[in-house]
Amino acid sequence: MSENKINYSEKELEDFKSLIEEKIEIANEDLRLLKSAYSNVSDNGTDDTSPTFKAFEEGSSTLSKDENMKLAFRQEKFIRNLSNALIRIENRTYGLCRVTGKLISKERLTLVPHATLSIEAKRAQ
């Protein structure tokens, strides 16, 4: 059915907008948790433990901080992509493949609401 359509209806765009706004809300909460994890807001400390354990703990903490920072950067990118999808909804260009110009399937957009490529274009990459 989507092969015959050139864009999504107002109702469909509203549904996608609701889905994206919900995902942004969840993603922002996840980002807040990641940022608090790597900024040691809730530091349990190792001041009263042995020096050997403290060294291991600090090494683990550094690795964990680094991983949390990487996850936070990825989460920020995800939020930006979702926000850009909202702009495309407002511009009525949402759901159009940027390579083929065809409508991206509803199933794909439901799973990846910030997608800008159809499955065919993605496979061709």
N, C-alpha and C. Protein backbone atom coordinates (compact mmCIF):
# COMPACT_ATOMS: atom_id res chain seq x y z
N MET A 1 0.81 -1.19 0.00
CA MET A 1 0.00 0.00 0.00
C MET A 1 0.86 1.26 0.00
N SER A 2 1.99 1.25 0.73
CA SER A 2 2.80 2.45 0.85
C SER A 2 3.48 2.83 -0.46
N GLU A 3 3.58 1.88 -1.44
CA GLU A 3 4.20 2.21 -2.71
C GLU A 3 3.39 3.26 -3.47
N ASN A 4 2.06 3.27 -3.28
CA ASN A 4 1.19 4.19 -4.00
C ASN A 4 1.11 5.56 -3.34
N LYS A 5 1.39 5.63 -2.07
CA LYS A 5 1.29 6.89 -1.34
C LYS A 5 2.57 7.70 -1.51
N ILE A 6 2.43 9.04 -1.50
CA ILE A 6 3.62 9.87 -1.60
C ILE A 6 4.02 10.47 -0.25
N ASN A 7 3.08 10.47 0.70
CA ASN A 7 3.42 10.85 2.08
C ASN A 7 2.32 10.36 3.02
N TYR A 8 2.61 10.47 4.32
CA TYR A 8 1.67 9.98 5.33
C TYR A 8 0.59 11.02 5.61
N SER A 9 -0.58 10.53 6.02
CA SER A 9 -1.71 11.41 6.34
C SER A 9 -1.45 12.18 7.64
N GLU A 10 -2.25 13.19 7.87
CA GLU A 10 -2.14 13.97 9.12
C GLU A 10 -2.27 13.07 10.34
N LYS A 11 -3.21 12.14 10.31
CA LYS A 11 -3.43 11.22 11.43
C LYS A 11 -2.20 10.35 11.66
N GLU A 12 -1.64 9.82 10.57
CA GLU A 12 -0.45 8.97 10.70
C GLU A 12 0.73 9.78 11.23
N LEU A 13 0.87 11.01 10.75
CA LEU A 13 1.96 11.87 11.25
C LEU A 13 1.78 12.19 12.73
N GLU A 14 0.55 12.40 13.15
CA GLU A 14 0.28 12.65 14.58
C GLU A 14 0.65 11.42 15.41
N ASP A 15 0.34 10.24 14.90
CA ASP A 15 0.70 9.00 15.60
C ASP A 15 2.21 8.87 15.73
N PHE A 16 2.93 9.15 14.63
CA PHE A 16 4.39 9.10 14.67
C PHE A 16 4.94 10.15 15.63
N LYS A 17 4.33 11.33 15.62
CA LYS A 17 4.78 12.40 16.52
C LYS A 17 4.64 11.98 17.97
N SER A 18 3.52 11.36 18.32
CA SER A 18 3.32 10.88 19.69
C SER A 18 4.36 9.83 20.07
N LEU A 19 4.62 8.91 19.15
CA LEU A 19 5.61 7.86 19.38
C LEU A 19 6.99 8.48 19.62
N ILE A 20 7.36 9.43 18.78
CA ILE A 20 8.67 10.07 18.88
C ILE A 20 8.79 10.88 20.17
N GLU A 21 7.76 11.62 20.52
CA GLU A 21 7.79 12.41 21.76
C GLU A 21 7.94 11.50 22.98
N GLU A 22 7.28 10.35 22.95
CA GLU A 22 7.41 9.38 24.04
C GLU A 22 8.84 8.84 24.12
N LYS A 23 9.41 8.53 22.96
CA LYS A 23 10.79 8.04 22.93
C LYS A 23 11.78 9.09 23.40
N ILE A 24 11.54 10.35 23.05
CA ILE A 24 12.42 11.44 23.50
C ILE A 24 12.36 11.56 25.02
N GLU A 25 11.17 11.46 25.59
CA GLU A 25 11.02 11.56 27.04
C GLU A 25 11.80 10.45 27.74
N ILE A 26 11.67 9.23 27.26
CA ILE A 26 12.38 8.09 27.84
C ILE A 26 13.89 8.26 27.65
N ALA A 27 14.30 8.69 26.45
CA ALA A 27 15.72 8.87 26.15
C ALA A 27 16.34 9.96 27.03
N ASN A 28 15.60 11.04 27.29
CA ASN A 28 16.10 12.11 28.15
C ASN A 28 16.29 11.61 29.58
N GLU A 29 15.39 10.77 30.05
CA GLU A 29 15.53 10.21 31.40
C GLU A 29 16.75 9.28 31.46
N ASP A 30 16.92 8.46 30.43
CA ASP A 30 18.11 7.59 30.37
C ASP A 30 19.39 8.41 30.34
N LEU A 31 19.38 9.50 29.57
CA LEU A 31 20.55 10.38 29.49
C LEU A 31 20.86 11.00 30.85
N ARG A 32 19.83 11.42 31.54
CA ARG A 32 20.04 12.01 32.88
C ARG A 32 20.70 11.00 33.81
N LEU A 33 20.25 9.75 33.75
CA LEU A 33 20.84 8.70 34.59
C LEU A 33 22.30 8.43 34.21
N LEU A 34 22.58 8.39 32.92
CA LEU A 34 23.95 8.17 32.47
C LEU A 34 24.86 9.31 32.91
N LYS A 35 24.39 10.53 32.76
CA LYS A 35 25.22 11.68 33.16
C LYS A 35 25.47 11.69 34.66
N SER A 36 24.47 11.33 35.44
CA SER A 36 24.69 11.30 36.88
C SER A 36 25.64 10.17 37.26
N ALA A 37 25.63 9.09 36.49
CA ALA A 37 26.53 7.97 36.78
C ALA A 37 27.98 8.34 36.52
N TYR A 38 28.26 9.08 35.43
CA TYR A 38 29.66 9.39 35.17
C TYR A 38 30.14 10.67 35.85
N SER A 39 29.23 11.43 36.42
CA SER A 39 29.69 12.62 37.14
C SER A 39 29.77 12.37 38.65
N ASN A 40 29.59 11.11 39.07
CA ASN A 40 29.72 10.70 40.47
C ASN A 40 28.83 11.50 41.41
N VAL A 41 27.62 11.78 40.98
CA VAL A 41 26.68 12.50 41.84
C VAL A 41 26.38 11.67 43.09
N SER A 42 26.26 10.38 42.92
CA SER A 42 25.96 9.51 44.06
C SER A 42 27.16 8.63 44.39
N ASP A 43 28.31 9.25 44.58
CA ASP A 43 29.55 8.51 44.86
C ASP A 43 29.46 7.80 46.21
N ASN A 44 29.69 6.49 46.19
CA ASN A 44 29.68 5.72 47.43
C ASN A 44 31.01 5.82 48.16
N GLY A 45 32.06 6.13 47.45
CA GLY A 45 33.37 6.33 48.06
C GLY A 45 34.02 5.04 48.49
N THR A 46 35.36 5.10 48.60
CA THR A 46 36.14 3.96 49.07
C THR A 46 37.16 4.44 50.09
N ASP A 47 36.88 5.55 50.75
CA ASP A 47 37.83 6.16 51.68
C ASP A 47 38.17 5.26 52.86
N ASP A 48 37.23 4.44 53.30
CA ASP A 48 37.48 3.63 54.49
C ASP A 48 37.91 2.20 54.17
N THR A 49 38.29 1.93 52.93
CA THR A 49 38.72 0.58 52.55
C THR A 49 40.22 0.54 52.34
N SER A 50 40.74 -0.65 52.17
CA SER A 50 42.19 -0.79 52.02
C SER A 50 42.68 -0.15 50.73
N PRO A 51 43.96 0.29 50.70
CA PRO A 51 44.52 0.94 49.51
C PRO A 51 44.45 0.07 48.25
N THR A 52 44.65 -1.24 48.40
CA THR A 52 44.62 -2.13 47.23
C THR A 52 43.23 -2.14 46.62
N PHE A 53 42.22 -2.30 47.45
CA PHE A 53 40.86 -2.33 46.94
C PHE A 53 40.51 -0.99 46.31
N LYS A 54 40.98 0.09 46.93
CA LYS A 54 40.69 1.42 46.41
C LYS A 54 41.25 1.59 45.01
N ALA A 55 42.45 1.08 44.75
CA ALA A 55 43.05 1.18 43.41
C ALA A 55 42.21 0.42 42.39
N PHE A 56 41.76 -0.78 42.77
CA PHE A 56 40.90 -1.55 41.86
C PHE A 56 39.59 -0.81 41.62
N GLU A 57 39.04 -0.28 42.68
CA GLU A 57 37.76 0.42 42.59
C GLU A 57 37.89 1.65 41.69
N GLU A 58 38.97 2.40 41.81
CA GLU A 58 39.17 3.60 41.00
C GLU A 58 39.36 3.23 39.53
N GLY A 59 40.07 2.14 39.26
CA GLY A 59 40.25 1.67 37.88
C GLY A 59 38.92 1.28 37.28
N SER A 60 38.14 0.57 38.04
CA SER A 60 36.81 0.15 37.58
C SER A 60 35.92 1.36 37.38
N SER A 61 36.04 2.32 38.28
CA SER A 61 35.24 3.53 38.20
C SER A 61 35.58 4.33 36.94
N THR A 62 36.88 4.39 36.60
CA THR A 62 37.31 5.12 35.41
C THR A 62 36.75 4.47 34.16
N LEU A 63 36.83 3.13 34.09
CA LEU A 63 36.31 2.40 32.95
C LEU A 63 34.80 2.63 32.85
N SER A 64 34.13 2.52 33.96
CA SER A 64 32.68 2.70 33.98
C SER A 64 32.30 4.12 33.56
N LYS A 65 33.06 5.12 34.04
CA LYS A 65 32.80 6.51 33.66
C LYS A 65 32.96 6.69 32.16
N ASP A 66 34.03 6.11 31.61
CA ASP A 66 34.30 6.23 30.18
C ASP A 66 33.18 5.59 29.37
N GLU A 67 32.76 4.41 29.78
CA GLU A 67 31.67 3.72 29.08
C GLU A 67 30.36 4.51 29.20
N ASN A 68 30.08 5.04 30.37
CA ASN A 68 28.87 5.83 30.56
C ASN A 68 28.89 7.11 29.73
N MET A 69 30.08 7.72 29.60
CA MET A 69 30.19 8.92 28.77
C MET A 69 29.92 8.58 27.30
N LYS A 70 30.46 7.45 26.84
CA LYS A 70 30.22 7.02 25.45
C LYS A 70 28.73 6.76 25.24
N LEU A 71 28.11 6.09 26.20
CA LEU A 71 26.67 5.83 26.09
C LEU A 71 25.88 7.13 26.10
N ALA A 72 26.31 8.09 26.90
CA ALA A 72 25.62 9.38 26.97
C ALA A 72 25.73 10.12 25.64
N PHE A 73 26.91 10.08 25.00
CA PHE A 73 27.07 10.72 23.70
C PHE A 73 26.17 10.08 22.66
N ARG A 74 26.08 8.75 22.70
CA ARG A 74 25.20 8.05 21.77
C ARG A 74 23.74 8.41 22.03
N GLN A 75 23.40 8.53 23.31
CA GLN A 75 22.02 8.88 23.68
C GLN A 75 21.68 10.29 23.20
N GLU A 76 22.64 11.21 23.33
CA GLU A 76 22.42 12.58 22.87
C GLU A 76 22.20 12.61 21.35
N LYS A 77 22.97 11.80 20.63
CA LYS A 77 22.80 11.70 19.17
C LYS A 77 21.42 11.14 18.83
N PHE A 78 20.99 10.13 19.57
CA PHE A 78 19.67 9.53 19.37
C PHE A 78 18.58 10.57 19.58
N ILE A 79 18.70 11.37 20.63
CA ILE A 79 17.72 12.42 20.93
C ILE A 79 17.71 13.46 19.81
N ARG A 80 18.89 13.84 19.32
CA ARG A 80 18.96 14.79 18.19
C ARG A 80 18.27 14.23 16.95
N ASN A 81 18.51 12.94 16.67
CA ASN A 81 17.87 12.31 15.51
C ASN A 81 16.36 12.28 15.66
N LEU A 82 15.88 12.00 16.87
CA LEU A 82 14.43 12.01 17.11
C LEU A 82 13.87 13.42 16.97
N SER A 83 14.59 14.41 17.46
CA SER A 83 14.15 15.81 17.34
C SER A 83 14.10 16.23 15.88
N ASN A 84 15.08 15.78 15.10
CA ASN A 84 15.08 16.07 13.67
C ASN A 84 13.88 15.42 12.98
N ALA A 85 13.49 14.24 13.45
CA ALA A 85 12.31 13.57 12.90
C ALA A 85 11.05 14.41 13.17
N LEU A 86 10.97 15.04 14.34
CA LEU A 86 9.84 15.92 14.64
C LEU A 86 9.80 17.11 13.68
N ILE A 87 10.97 17.63 13.34
CA ILE A 87 11.05 18.74 12.38
C ILE A 87 10.55 18.27 11.01
N ARG A 88 10.95 17.05 10.62
CA ARG A 88 10.48 16.52 9.34
C ARG A 88 8.96 16.33 9.33
N ILE A 89 8.39 15.98 10.49
CA ILE A 89 6.93 15.86 10.58
C ILE A 89 6.31 17.23 10.34
N GLU A 90 6.85 18.26 10.97
CA GLU A 90 6.33 19.61 10.79
C GLU A 90 6.46 20.06 9.34
N ASN A 91 7.55 19.67 8.69
CA ASN A 91 7.79 20.04 7.29
C ASN A 91 7.05 19.14 6.31
N ARG A 92 6.41 18.11 6.82
CA ARG A 92 5.68 17.12 6.02
C ARG A 92 6.61 16.35 5.07
N THR A 93 7.86 16.18 5.50
CA THR A 93 8.80 15.36 4.73
C THR A 93 9.12 14.08 5.48
N TYR A 94 8.46 13.87 6.61
CA TYR A 94 8.72 12.69 7.43
C TYR A 94 8.32 11.43 6.67
N GLY A 95 9.18 10.43 6.76
CA GLY A 95 8.88 9.13 6.15
C GLY A 95 9.34 8.99 4.72
N LEU A 96 9.94 10.04 4.17
CA LEU A 96 10.46 9.95 2.81
C LEU A 96 11.93 9.55 2.84
N CYS A 97 12.27 8.55 2.06
CA CYS A 97 13.66 8.10 1.98
C CYS A 97 14.49 9.18 1.31
N ARG A 98 15.61 9.55 1.92
CA ARG A 98 16.43 10.62 1.37
C ARG A 98 17.23 10.17 0.15
N VAL A 99 17.26 8.87 -0.14
CA VAL A 99 17.96 8.37 -1.32
C VAL A 99 16.98 8.10 -2.47
N THR A 100 15.95 7.33 -2.17
CA THR A 100 15.01 6.93 -3.24
C THR A 100 13.85 7.91 -3.41
N GLY A 101 13.54 8.69 -2.38
CA GLY A 101 12.40 9.60 -2.44
C GLY A 101 11.07 8.91 -2.21
N LYS A 102 11.12 7.59 -2.00
CA LYS A 102 9.89 6.83 -1.76
C LYS A 102 9.55 6.83 -0.28
N LEU A 103 8.32 6.46 -0.01
CA LEU A 103 7.84 6.40 1.37
C LEU A 103 8.47 5.21 2.10
N ILE A 104 9.03 5.48 3.26
CA ILE A 104 9.59 4.43 4.12
C ILE A 104 8.41 3.68 4.74
N SER A 105 8.52 2.37 4.85
CA SER A 105 7.40 1.57 5.37
C SER A 105 7.05 1.98 6.80
N LYS A 106 5.77 1.88 7.08
CA LYS A 106 5.25 2.21 8.41
C LYS A 106 5.90 1.31 9.47
N GLU A 107 6.10 0.04 9.13
CA GLU A 107 6.72 -0.91 10.07
C GLU A 107 8.12 -0.46 10.46
N ARG A 108 8.90 -0.02 9.45
CA ARG A 108 10.27 0.45 9.73
C ARG A 108 10.24 1.70 10.61
N LEU A 109 9.35 2.63 10.29
CA LEU A 109 9.29 3.87 11.07
C LEU A 109 8.78 3.64 12.49
N THR A 110 7.97 2.61 12.66
CA THR A 110 7.51 2.29 14.01
C THR A 110 8.67 1.75 14.85
N LEU A 111 9.53 0.95 14.22
CA LEU A 111 10.69 0.40 14.93
C LEU A 111 11.82 1.41 15.05
N VAL A 112 12.05 2.20 14.00
CA VAL A 112 13.13 3.19 13.97
C VAL A 112 12.51 4.52 13.51
N PRO A 113 11.85 5.24 14.42
CA PRO A 113 11.09 6.42 14.02
C PRO A 113 11.93 7.57 13.47
N HIS A 114 13.24 7.52 13.66
CA HIS A 114 14.10 8.58 13.14
C HIS A 114 14.76 8.19 11.81
N ALA A 115 14.34 7.06 11.23
CA ALA A 115 14.93 6.57 9.98
C ALA A 115 14.74 7.57 8.85
N THR A 116 15.78 7.71 8.04
CA THR A 116 15.71 8.57 6.86
C THR A 116 15.98 7.76 5.59
N LEU A 117 16.20 6.47 5.76
CA LEU A 117 16.46 5.59 4.62
C LEU A 117 15.48 4.42 4.63
N SER A 118 15.00 4.06 3.46
CA SER A 118 14.16 2.86 3.33
C SER A 118 15.07 1.64 3.50
N ILE A 119 14.46 0.50 3.67
CA ILE A 119 15.22 -0.74 3.80
C ILE A 119 16.09 -0.96 2.56
N GLU A 120 15.52 -0.70 1.39
CA GLU A 120 16.26 -0.89 0.14
C GLU A 120 17.51 0.00 0.10
N ALA A 121 17.36 1.27 0.46
CA ALA A 121 18.48 2.21 0.45
C ALA A 121 19.51 1.82 1.51
N LYS A 122 19.04 1.36 2.65
CA LYS A 122 19.96 0.95 3.72
C LYS A 122 20.78 -0.26 3.28
N ARG A 123 20.13 -1.22 2.63
CA ARG A 123 20.85 -2.40 2.15
C ARG A 123 21.88 -2.04 1.08
N ALA A 124 21.56 -1.07 0.26
CA ALA A 124 22.46 -0.65 -0.81
C ALA A 124 23.71 0.04 -0.29
N GLN A 125 23.65 0.53 0.93
CA GLN A 125 24.81 1.25 1.51
C GLN A 125 25.99 0.36 1.64
